[in-house]
PDB file of N, CA and C in Angstrom:
ATOM      1  N   MET A   1       1.077  -1.346  -0.094  1.00  0.00           N
ATOM      2  CA  MET A   1      -0.170  -0.215   0.149  1.00  0.00           C
ATOM      3  C   MET A   1       0.842   1.455  -0.185  1.00  0.00           C
ATOM      4  N   THR A   2       0.516   2.252  -0.573  1.00  0.00           N
ATOM      5  CA  THR A   2       1.224   3.467  -0.712  1.00  0.00           C
ATOM      6  C   THR A   2       1.074   4.161   0.463  1.00  0.00           C
ATOM      7  N   GLU A   3       1.374   4.699   0.790  1.00  0.00           N
ATOM      8  CA  GLU A   3       1.558   5.645   1.908  1.00  0.00           C
ATOM      9  C   GLU A   3       1.524   7.018   1.438  1.00  0.00           C
ATOM     10  N   GLN A   4       0.098   7.392   2.269  1.00  0.00           N
ATOM     11  CA  GLN A   4      -0.087   8.896   1.325  1.00  0.00           C
ATOM     12  C   GLN A   4      -0.256   9.525   3.152  1.00  0.00           C
ATOM     13  N   THR A   5      -0.289  11.029   2.718  1.00  0.00           N
ATOM     14  CA  THR A   5      -0.377  11.923   4.042  1.00  0.00           C
ATOM     15  C   THR A   5      -1.249  12.815   3.670  1.00  0.00           C
ATOM     16  N   GLN A   6      -2.364  13.481   4.906  1.00  0.00           N
ATOM     17  CA  GLN A   6      -3.208  14.351   4.565  1.00  0.00           C
ATOM     18  C   GLN A   6      -2.411  15.776   5.958  1.00  0.00           C
ATOM     19  N   GLY A   7      -1.390  16.576   5.641  1.00  0.00           N
ATOM     20  CA  GLY A   7      -1.207  17.212   6.822  1.00  0.00           C
ATOM     21  C   GLY A   7      -0.140  16.386   8.081  1.00  0.00           C
ATOM     22  N   ASP A   8      -0.709  16.380   8.734  1.00  0.00           N
ATOM     23  CA  ASP A   8      -0.288  15.482   9.708  1.00  0.00           C
ATOM     24  C   ASP A   8      -0.541  14.620   9.428  1.00  0.00           C
ATOM     25  N   LEU A   9      -1.489  14.009   9.170  1.00  0.00           N
ATOM     26  CA  LEU A   9      -2.559  12.763   8.885  1.00  0.00           C
ATOM     27  C   LEU A   9      -1.457  11.646   8.019  1.00  0.00           C
ATOM     28  N   GLU A  10      -2.322  10.191   8.133  1.00  0.00           N
ATOM     29  CA  GLU A  10      -0.969   8.743   7.663  1.00  0.00           C
ATOM     30  C   GLU A  10      -2.202   8.630   6.606  1.00  0.00           C
ATOM     31  N   LEU A  11      -2.737   7.806   6.012  1.00  0.00           N
ATOM     32  CA  LEU A  11      -3.871   6.790   5.371  1.00  0.00           C
ATOM     33  C   LEU A  11      -2.901   5.280   6.154  1.00  0.00           C
ATOM     34  N   VAL A  12      -3.995   5.053   6.772  1.00  0.00           N
ATOM     35  CA  VAL A  12      -3.581   3.436   7.425  1.00  0.00           C
ATOM     36  C   VAL A  12      -4.503   2.622   6.222  1.00  0.00           C
ATOM     37  N   ALA A  13      -5.365   2.389   6.183  1.00  0.00           N
ATOM     38  CA  ALA A  13      -6.366   1.639   5.526  1.00  0.00           C
ATOM     39  C   ALA A  13      -8.000   2.112   4.454  1.00  0.00           C
ATOM     40  N   THR A  14      -7.733   1.603   3.747  1.00  0.00           N
ATOM     41  CA  THR A  14      -9.169   2.134   2.470  1.00  0.00           C
ATOM     42  C   THR A  14      -9.972   0.804   2.732  1.00  0.00           C
ATOM     43  N   PHE A  15     -11.637   1.254   3.382  1.00  0.00           N
ATOM     44  CA  PHE A  15     -12.475   0.106   3.800  1.00  0.00           C
ATOM     45  C   PHE A  15     -13.903   0.422   2.640  1.00  0.00           C
ATOM     46  N   PRO A  16     -14.438  -1.074   2.435  1.00  0.00           N
ATOM     47  CA  PRO A  16     -15.711  -0.913   1.993  1.00  0.00           C
ATOM     48  C   PRO A  16     -16.971   0.169   2.061  1.00  0.00           C
ATOM     49  N   ASN A  17     -16.490   0.480   2.974  1.00  0.00           N
ATOM     50  CA  ASN A  17     -18.090   1.127   3.086  1.00  0.00           C
ATOM     51  C   ASN A  17     -17.557   1.552   4.962  1.00  0.00           C
ATOM     52  N   TYR A  18     -18.612   2.216   5.356  1.00  0.00           N
ATOM     53  CA  TYR A  18     -18.553   3.178   6.376  1.00  0.00           C
ATOM     54  C   TYR A  18     -18.773   2.040   7.808  1.00  0.00           C
ATOM     55  N   ILE A  19     -19.558   1.124   7.921  1.00  0.00           N
ATOM     56  CA  ILE A  19     -19.541   0.726   8.809  1.00  0.00           C
ATOM     57  C   ILE A  19     -18.390   0.263   9.489  1.00  0.00           C
ATOM     58  N   GLU A  20     -18.506  -0.848   7.879  1.00  0.00           N
ATOM     59  CA  GLU A  20     -17.096  -1.458   8.403  1.00  0.00           C
ATOM     60  C   GLU A  20     -15.636  -0.802   8.889  1.00  0.00           C
ATOM     61  N   ALA A  21     -15.550   0.622   8.298  1.00  0.00           N
ATOM     62  CA  ALA A  21     -14.752   1.265   8.538  1.00  0.00           C
ATOM     63  C   ALA A  21     -14.536   1.409  10.206  1.00  0.00           C
ATOM     64  N   GLN A  22     -16.353   1.749  10.657  1.00  0.00           N
ATOM     65  CA  GLN A  22     -15.774   2.693  12.117  1.00  0.00           C
ATOM     66  C   GLN A  22     -15.674   1.038  13.191  1.00  0.00           C
ATOM     67  N   VAL A  23     -16.300   0.378  12.906  1.00  0.00           N
ATOM     68  CA  VAL A  23     -15.592  -0.906  13.763  1.00  0.00           C
ATOM     69  C   VAL A  23     -15.160  -1.651  13.413  1.00  0.00           C
ATOM     70  N   TRP A  24     -13.757  -1.091  12.878  1.00  0.00           N
ATOM     71  CA  TRP A  24     -12.188  -1.083  13.215  1.00  0.00           C
ATOM     72  C   TRP A  24     -11.427  -0.131  13.528  1.00  0.00           C
ATOM     73  N   ALA A  25     -12.543   1.469  13.662  1.00  0.00           N
ATOM     74  CA  ALA A  25     -12.069   2.494  14.171  1.00  0.00           C
ATOM     75  C   ALA A  25     -12.118   2.428  15.586  1.00  0.00           C
ATOM     76  N   ASP A  26     -13.751   1.857  16.509  1.00  0.00           N
ATOM     77  CA  ASP A  26     -13.422   1.212  17.334  1.00  0.00           C
ATOM     78  C   ASP A  26     -12.447   0.367  18.219  1.00  0.00           C
ATOM     79  N   MET A  27     -11.590  -0.105  17.274  1.00  0.00           N
ATOM     80  CA  MET A  27     -11.667  -1.137  18.027  1.00  0.00           C
ATOM     81  C   MET A  27      -9.584  -0.269  18.344  1.00  0.00           C
ATOM     82  N   LEU A  28      -8.995  -0.069  17.357  1.00  0.00           N
ATOM     83  CA  LEU A  28      -8.376   1.510  17.722  1.00  0.00           C
ATOM     84  C   LEU A  28      -8.471   1.566  18.756  1.00  0.00           C
ATOM     85  N   ALA A  29      -9.245   3.000  19.125  1.00  0.00           N
ATOM     86  CA  ALA A  29     -10.225   3.663  19.985  1.00  0.00           C
ATOM     87  C   ALA A  29      -9.593   3.019  21.127  1.00  0.00           C
ATOM     88  N   ARG A  30      -9.667   1.763  20.921  1.00  0.00           N
ATOM     89  CA  ARG A  30      -9.604   0.715  22.640  1.00  0.00           C
ATOM     90  C   ARG A  30      -8.439   0.685  22.416  1.00  0.00           C
ATOM     91  N   GLU A  31      -7.112   0.274  21.993  1.00  0.00           N
ATOM     92  CA  GLU A  31      -6.143   0.185  22.130  1.00  0.00           C
ATOM     93  C   GLU A  31      -5.570   1.802  22.196  1.00  0.00           C
ATOM     94  N   GLY A  32      -6.169   2.831  22.356  1.00  0.00           N
ATOM     95  CA  GLY A  32      -5.550   4.043  22.281  1.00  0.00           C
ATOM     96  C   GLY A  32      -5.176   4.715  21.010  1.00  0.00           C
ATOM     97  N   ILE A  33      -5.577   4.473  20.456  1.00  0.00           N
ATOM     98  CA  ILE A  33      -4.864   4.435  18.500  1.00  0.00           C
ATOM     99  C   ILE A  33      -6.410   5.778  18.245  1.00  0.00           C
ATOM    100  N   ALA A  34      -6.004   6.928  17.938  1.00  0.00           N
ATOM    101  CA  ALA A  34      -6.875   7.696  17.343  1.00  0.00           C
ATOM    102  C   ALA A  34      -7.629   7.642  15.660  1.00  0.00           C
ATOM    103  N   VAL A  35      -8.467   7.568  15.419  1.00  0.00           N
ATOM    104  CA  VAL A  35      -8.189   7.174  13.276  1.00  0.00           C
ATOM    105  C   VAL A  35      -9.372   8.745  13.617  1.00  0.00           C
ATOM    106  N   LYS A  36      -9.277   9.095  12.446  1.00  0.00           N
ATOM    107  CA  LYS A  36     -10.009   9.598  11.721  1.00  0.00           C
ATOM    108  C   LYS A  36     -10.725   8.553  10.091  1.00  0.00           C
ATOM    109  N   LEU A  37     -11.738   8.515   9.720  1.00  0.00           N
ATOM    110  CA  LEU A  37     -12.870   8.012   8.410  1.00  0.00           C
ATOM    111  C   LEU A  37     -12.951   9.859   7.619  1.00  0.00           C
ATOM    112  N   MET A  38     -12.276   9.514   6.576  1.00  0.00           N
ATOM    113  CA  MET A  38     -12.878   9.819   5.363  1.00  0.00           C
ATOM    114  C   MET A  38     -13.047   9.929   4.438  1.00  0.00           C
ATOM    115  N   PRO A  39     -14.288   9.975   3.976  1.00  0.00           N
ATOM    116  CA  PRO A  39     -14.882   9.176   2.614  1.00  0.00           C
ATOM    117  C   PRO A  39     -14.094  10.061   1.371  1.00  0.00           C
ATOM    118  N   SER A  40     -13.879   8.356   0.582  1.00  0.00           N
ATOM    119  CA  SER A  40     -12.869   8.197  -0.730  1.00  0.00           C
ATOM    120  C   SER A  40     -13.362   8.111  -2.232  1.00  0.00           C
ATOM    121  N   GLY A  41     -12.715   8.418  -3.236  1.00  0.00           N
ATOM    122  CA  GLY A  41     -13.553   7.814  -4.148  1.00  0.00           C
ATOM    123  C   GLY A  41     -14.487   8.711  -5.102  1.00  0.00           C
ATOM    124  N   PRO A  42     -14.800   9.002  -6.271  1.00  0.00           N
ATOM    125  CA  PRO A  42     -15.545   9.558  -7.440  1.00  0.00           C
ATOM    126  C   PRO A  42     -16.541   9.633  -6.259  1.00  0.00           C
ATOM    127  N   GLY A  43     -17.287  10.969  -5.993  1.00  0.00           N
ATOM    128  CA  GLY A  43     -18.392  11.854  -5.245  1.00  0.00           C
ATOM    129  C   GLY A  43     -18.686  11.694  -4.016  1.00  0.00           C
ATOM    130  N   ALA A  44     -16.736  11.391  -3.258  1.00  0.00           N
ATOM    131  CA  ALA A  44     -17.125  11.193  -2.307  1.00  0.00           C
ATOM    132  C   ALA A  44     -17.392  12.559  -2.422  1.00  0.00           C
ATOM    133  N   GLY A  45     -18.237  12.038  -1.051  1.00  0.00           N
ATOM    134  CA  GLY A  45     -18.977  12.901   0.315  1.00  0.00           C
ATOM    135  C   GLY A  45     -20.387  13.814  -0.828  1.00  0.00           C
ATOM    136  N   LEU A  46     -20.994  13.441  -1.705  1.00  0.00           N
ATOM    137  CA  LEU A  46     -22.582  14.089  -2.251  1.00  0.00           C
ATOM    138  C   LEU A  46     -23.405  12.700  -2.194  1.00  0.00           C
ATOM    139  N   ALA A  47     -22.941  11.817  -2.157  1.00  0.00           N
ATOM    140  CA  ALA A  47     -23.739  10.254  -1.104  1.00  0.00           C
ATOM    141  C   ALA A  47     -23.812  10.094   0.193  1.00  0.00           C
ATOM    142  N   THR A  48     -24.413   8.874   0.365  1.00  0.00           N
ATOM    143  CA  THR A  48     -24.463   8.630   1.470  1.00  0.00           C
ATOM    144  C   THR A  48     -23.706   8.040   2.773  1.00  0.00           C
ATOM    145  N   VAL A  49     -23.063   8.851   3.091  1.00  0.00           N
ATOM    146  CA  VAL A  49     -21.051   8.241   3.884  1.00  0.00           C
ATOM    147  C   VAL A  49     -22.066   6.519   3.944  1.00  0.00           C
ATOM    148  N   GLU A  50     -22.059   6.009   4.087  1.00  0.00           N
ATOM    149  CA  GLU A  50     -22.406   4.715   4.406  1.00  0.00           C
ATOM    150  C   GLU A  50     -22.463   3.323   3.093  1.00  0.00           C
ATOM    151  N   PHE A  51     -22.299   3.645   2.160  1.00  0.00           N
ATOM    152  CA  PHE A  51     -22.233   3.139   0.983  1.00  0.00           C
ATOM    153  C   PHE A  51     -21.077   3.453   0.375  1.00  0.00           C
ATOM    154  N   GLU A  52     -19.670   4.431   0.330  1.00  0.00           N
ATOM    155  CA  GLU A  52     -18.467   4.762   0.113  1.00  0.00           C
ATOM    156  C   GLU A  52     -17.512   4.337   0.504  1.00  0.00           C
ATOM    157  N   MET A  53     -16.796   4.341  -0.515  1.00  0.00           N
ATOM    158  CA  MET A  53     -15.094   3.818  -0.187  1.00  0.00           C
ATOM    159  C   MET A  53     -14.950   4.678   1.502  1.00  0.00           C
ATOM    160  N   ILE A  54     -13.641   4.259   2.574  1.00  0.00           N
ATOM    161  CA  ILE A  54     -13.732   5.185   3.375  1.00  0.00           C
ATOM    162  C   ILE A  54     -12.029   4.799   3.679  1.00  0.00           C
ATOM    163  N   GLN A  55     -11.521   6.393   4.058  1.00  0.00           N
ATOM    164  CA  GLN A  55     -10.088   6.087   4.388  1.00  0.00           C
ATOM    165  C   GLN A  55     -10.082   6.534   5.632  1.00  0.00           C
ATOM    166  N   MET A  56      -9.625   5.379   6.073  1.00  0.00           N
ATOM    167  CA  MET A  56      -8.800   5.475   7.957  1.00  0.00           C
ATOM    168  C   MET A  56      -7.438   6.214   7.892  1.00  0.00           C
ATOM    169  N   MET A  57      -7.510   7.221   8.742  1.00  0.00           N
ATOM    170  CA  MET A  57      -6.276   8.327   8.409  1.00  0.00           C
ATOM    171  C   MET A  57      -5.550   8.798  10.416  1.00  0.00           C
ATOM    172  N   THR A  58      -4.809   8.276  10.552  1.00  0.00           N
ATOM    173  CA  THR A  58      -4.485   8.194  11.749  1.00  0.00           C
ATOM    174  C   THR A  58      -2.572   9.712  12.080  1.00  0.00           C
ATOM    175  N   THR A  59      -2.256  10.039  13.205  1.00  0.00           N
ATOM    176  CA  THR A  59      -1.248  10.523  13.401  1.00  0.00           C
ATOM    177  C   THR A  59      -0.433  10.138  12.413  1.00  0.00           C
ATOM    178  N   VAL A  60       1.316  10.216  12.587  1.00  0.00           N
ATOM    179  CA  VAL A  60       1.786   9.121  11.911  1.00  0.00           C
ATOM    180  C   VAL A  60       2.785   8.668  12.632  1.00  0.00           C
ATOM    181  N   ASP A  61       2.776   9.490  13.964  1.00  0.00           N
ATOM    182  CA  ASP A  61       3.320   8.244  14.736  1.00  0.00           C
ATOM    183  C   ASP A  61       2.328   6.931  15.526  1.00  0.00           C
ATOM    184  N   GLN A  62       1.554   7.087  15.238  1.00  0.00           N
ATOM    185  CA  GLN A  62       0.325   6.242  15.546  1.00  0.00           C
ATOM    186  C   GLN A  62      -0.177   5.075  14.839  1.00  0.00           C
ATOM    187  N   ALA A  63       1.007   5.431  13.212  1.00  0.00           N
ATOM    188  CA  ALA A  63       0.277   5.023  11.612  1.00  0.00           C
ATOM    189  C   ALA A  63       0.678   3.042  12.274  1.00  0.00           C
ATOM    190  N   ALA A  64       1.976   3.768  12.255  1.00  0.00           N
ATOM    191  CA  ALA A  64       2.360   1.966  11.867  1.00  0.00           C
ATOM    192  C   ALA A  64       1.840   1.545  13.763  1.00  0.00           C
ATOM    193  N   ALA A  65       1.959   1.286  14.401  1.00  0.00           N
ATOM    194  CA  ALA A  65       0.661   0.718  15.422  1.00  0.00           C
ATOM    195  C   ALA A  65      -0.714   0.472  14.954  1.00  0.00           C
ATOM    196  N   ALA A  66      -1.412   1.274  14.374  1.00  0.00           N
ATOM    197  CA  ALA A  66      -2.725   1.126  13.905  1.00  0.00           C
ATOM    198  C   ALA A  66      -2.464   0.040  12.308  1.00  0.00           C
ATOM    199  N   ARG A  67      -1.423  -0.058  12.131  1.00  0.00           N
ATOM    200  CA  ARG A  67      -1.367  -0.713  10.405  1.00  0.00           C
ATOM    201  C   ARG A  67      -1.030  -2.519  11.188  1.00  0.00           C
ATOM    202  N   ASP A  68       0.203  -2.451  12.155  1.00  0.00           N
ATOM    203  CA  ASP A  68       0.084  -3.616  13.121  1.00  0.00           C
ATOM    204  C   ASP A  68      -1.128  -4.274  13.519  1.00  0.00           C
ATOM    205  N   MET A  69      -2.119  -3.705  14.241  1.00  0.00           N
ATOM    206  CA  MET A  69      -3.454  -3.842  14.483  1.00  0.00           C
ATOM    207  C   MET A  69      -3.907  -4.512  13.129  1.00  0.00           C
ATOM    208  N   LEU A  70      -4.574  -3.480  12.248  1.00  0.00           N
ATOM    209  CA  LEU A  70      -4.808  -4.360  11.816  1.00  0.00           C
ATOM    210  C   LEU A  70      -4.415  -5.391  10.504  1.00  0.00           C
ATOM    211  N   ILE A  71      -3.451  -5.846  10.544  1.00  0.00           N
ATOM    212  CA  ILE A  71      -2.882  -6.836   9.959  1.00  0.00           C
ATOM    213  C   ILE A  71      -2.596  -8.211  10.950  1.00  0.00           C
ATOM    214  N   ALA A  72      -2.658  -7.638  11.991  1.00  0.00           N
ATOM    215  CA  ALA A  72      -2.829  -9.070  12.475  1.00  0.00           C
ATOM    216  C   ALA A  72      -3.961  -9.584  12.607  1.00  0.00           C
ATOM    217  N   TYR A  73      -4.825  -8.667  12.322  1.00  0.00           N
ATOM    218  CA  TYR A  73      -6.532  -9.240  12.497  1.00  0.00           C
ATOM    219  C   TYR A  73      -6.971  -9.435  10.914  1.00  0.00           C
ATOM    220  N   ASN A  74      -6.155  -9.418  10.468  1.00  0.00           N
ATOM    221  CA  ASN A  74      -6.145 -10.026   8.315  1.00  0.00           C
ATOM    222  C   ASN A  74      -7.401  -8.674   7.799  1.00  0.00           C
ATOM    223  N   VAL A  75      -7.516  -7.151   8.652  1.00  0.00           N
ATOM    224  CA  VAL A  75      -7.867  -7.223   7.999  1.00  0.00           C
ATOM    225  C   VAL A  75      -7.093  -6.373   6.542  1.00  0.00           C
ATOM    226  N   ILE A  76      -6.057  -5.302   7.010  1.00  0.00           N
ATOM    227  CA  ILE A  76      -5.413  -5.322   5.584  1.00  0.00           C
ATOM    228  C   ILE A  76      -3.856  -6.904   5.095  1.00  0.00           C
ATOM    229  N   PRO A  77      -3.774  -6.473   4.314  1.00  0.00           N
ATOM    230  CA  PRO A  77      -2.616  -7.458   4.217  1.00  0.00           C
ATOM    231  C   PRO A  77      -1.257  -7.444   4.346  1.00  0.00           C
ATOM    232  N   ASP A  78      -0.231  -8.016   5.130  1.00  0.00           N
ATOM    233  CA  ASP A  78       0.685  -7.580   5.593  1.00  0.00           C
ATOM    234  C   ASP A  78       1.955  -7.829   4.237  1.00  0.00           C
ATOM    235  N   PRO A  79       2.280  -6.147   3.903  1.00  0.00           N
ATOM    236  CA  PRO A  79       3.330  -6.037   2.700  1.00  0.00           C
ATOM    237  C   PRO A  79       4.335  -7.118   3.168  1.00  0.00           C
ATOM    238  N   ASP A  80       5.239  -7.001   4.527  1.00  0.00           N
ATOM    239  CA  ASP A  80       6.138  -7.826   4.584  1.00  0.00           C
ATOM    240  C   ASP A  80       5.885  -9.144   3.604  1.00  0.00           C
ATOM    241  N   ALA A  81       4.776  -9.960   4.066  1.00  0.00           N
ATOM    242  CA  ALA A  81       4.805 -11.516   3.743  1.00  0.00           C
ATOM    243  C   ALA A  81       4.948 -11.648   1.912  1.00  0.00           C
ATOM    244  N   GLY A  82       4.265 -10.555   1.469  1.00  0.00           N
ATOM    245  CA  GLY A  82       4.506 -11.200  -0.288  1.00  0.00           C
ATOM    246  C   GLY A  82       5.809 -11.415  -0.265  1.00  0.00           C
ATOM    247  N   ALA A  83       6.741 -10.174   0.342  1.00  0.00           N
ATOM    248  CA  ALA A  83       8.357  -9.952  -0.108  1.00  0.00           C
ATOM    249  C   ALA A  83       8.701 -11.546   0.721  1.00  0.00           C
ATOM    250  N   ALA A  84       8.471 -12.136   1.616  1.00  0.00           N
ATOM    251  CA  ALA A  84       8.875 -12.807   2.679  1.00  0.00           C
ATOM    252  C   ALA A  84       8.741 -14.397   1.260  1.00  0.00           C
ATOM    253  N   GLY A  85       7.317 -14.954   0.518  1.00  0.00           N
ATOM    254  CA  GLY A  85       7.218 -15.545   0.020  1.00  0.00           C
ATOM    255  C   GLY A  85       7.443 -15.804  -1.332  1.00  0.00           C
ATOM    256  N   ALA A  86       7.997 -14.439  -1.638  1.00  0.00           N
ATOM    257  CA  ALA A  86       9.023 -14.523  -3.153  1.00  0.00           C
ATOM    258  C   ALA A  86      10.083 -14.739  -2.756  1.00  0.00           C
ATOM    259  N   GLN A  87      11.066 -14.446  -1.872  1.00  0.00           N
ATOM    260  CA  GLN A  87      12.054 -15.235  -1.883  1.00  0.00           C
ATOM    261  C   GLN A  87      12.134 -16.772  -1.459  1.00  0.00           C
ATOM    262  N   GLY A  88      11.547 -16.768  -0.273  1.00  0.00           N
ATOM    263  CA  GLY A  88      11.335 -18.520   0.231  1.00  0.00           C
ATOM    264  C   GLY A  88      10.489 -19.730  -0.213  1.00  0.00           C
TER     265      GLY A  88
END
């Protein structure tokens, strides 16, 4: 995944809808990781947010911890797993 930043926020993951993003945002919040959910994709903000792609952003200093937790729960792919599998 290409890391993107917006101000002092970093993209952690993109979800297919708001409900799924909110479930994982709540899980991260219980671990002390605050995130911001933002609509993305064509027409972002023009339709009901529940049916739009959602970007999960967090501060740069919490991004790695958020990503590690989402990887541990198989929410997002582990970028290192593909590299390890290709080598051996």
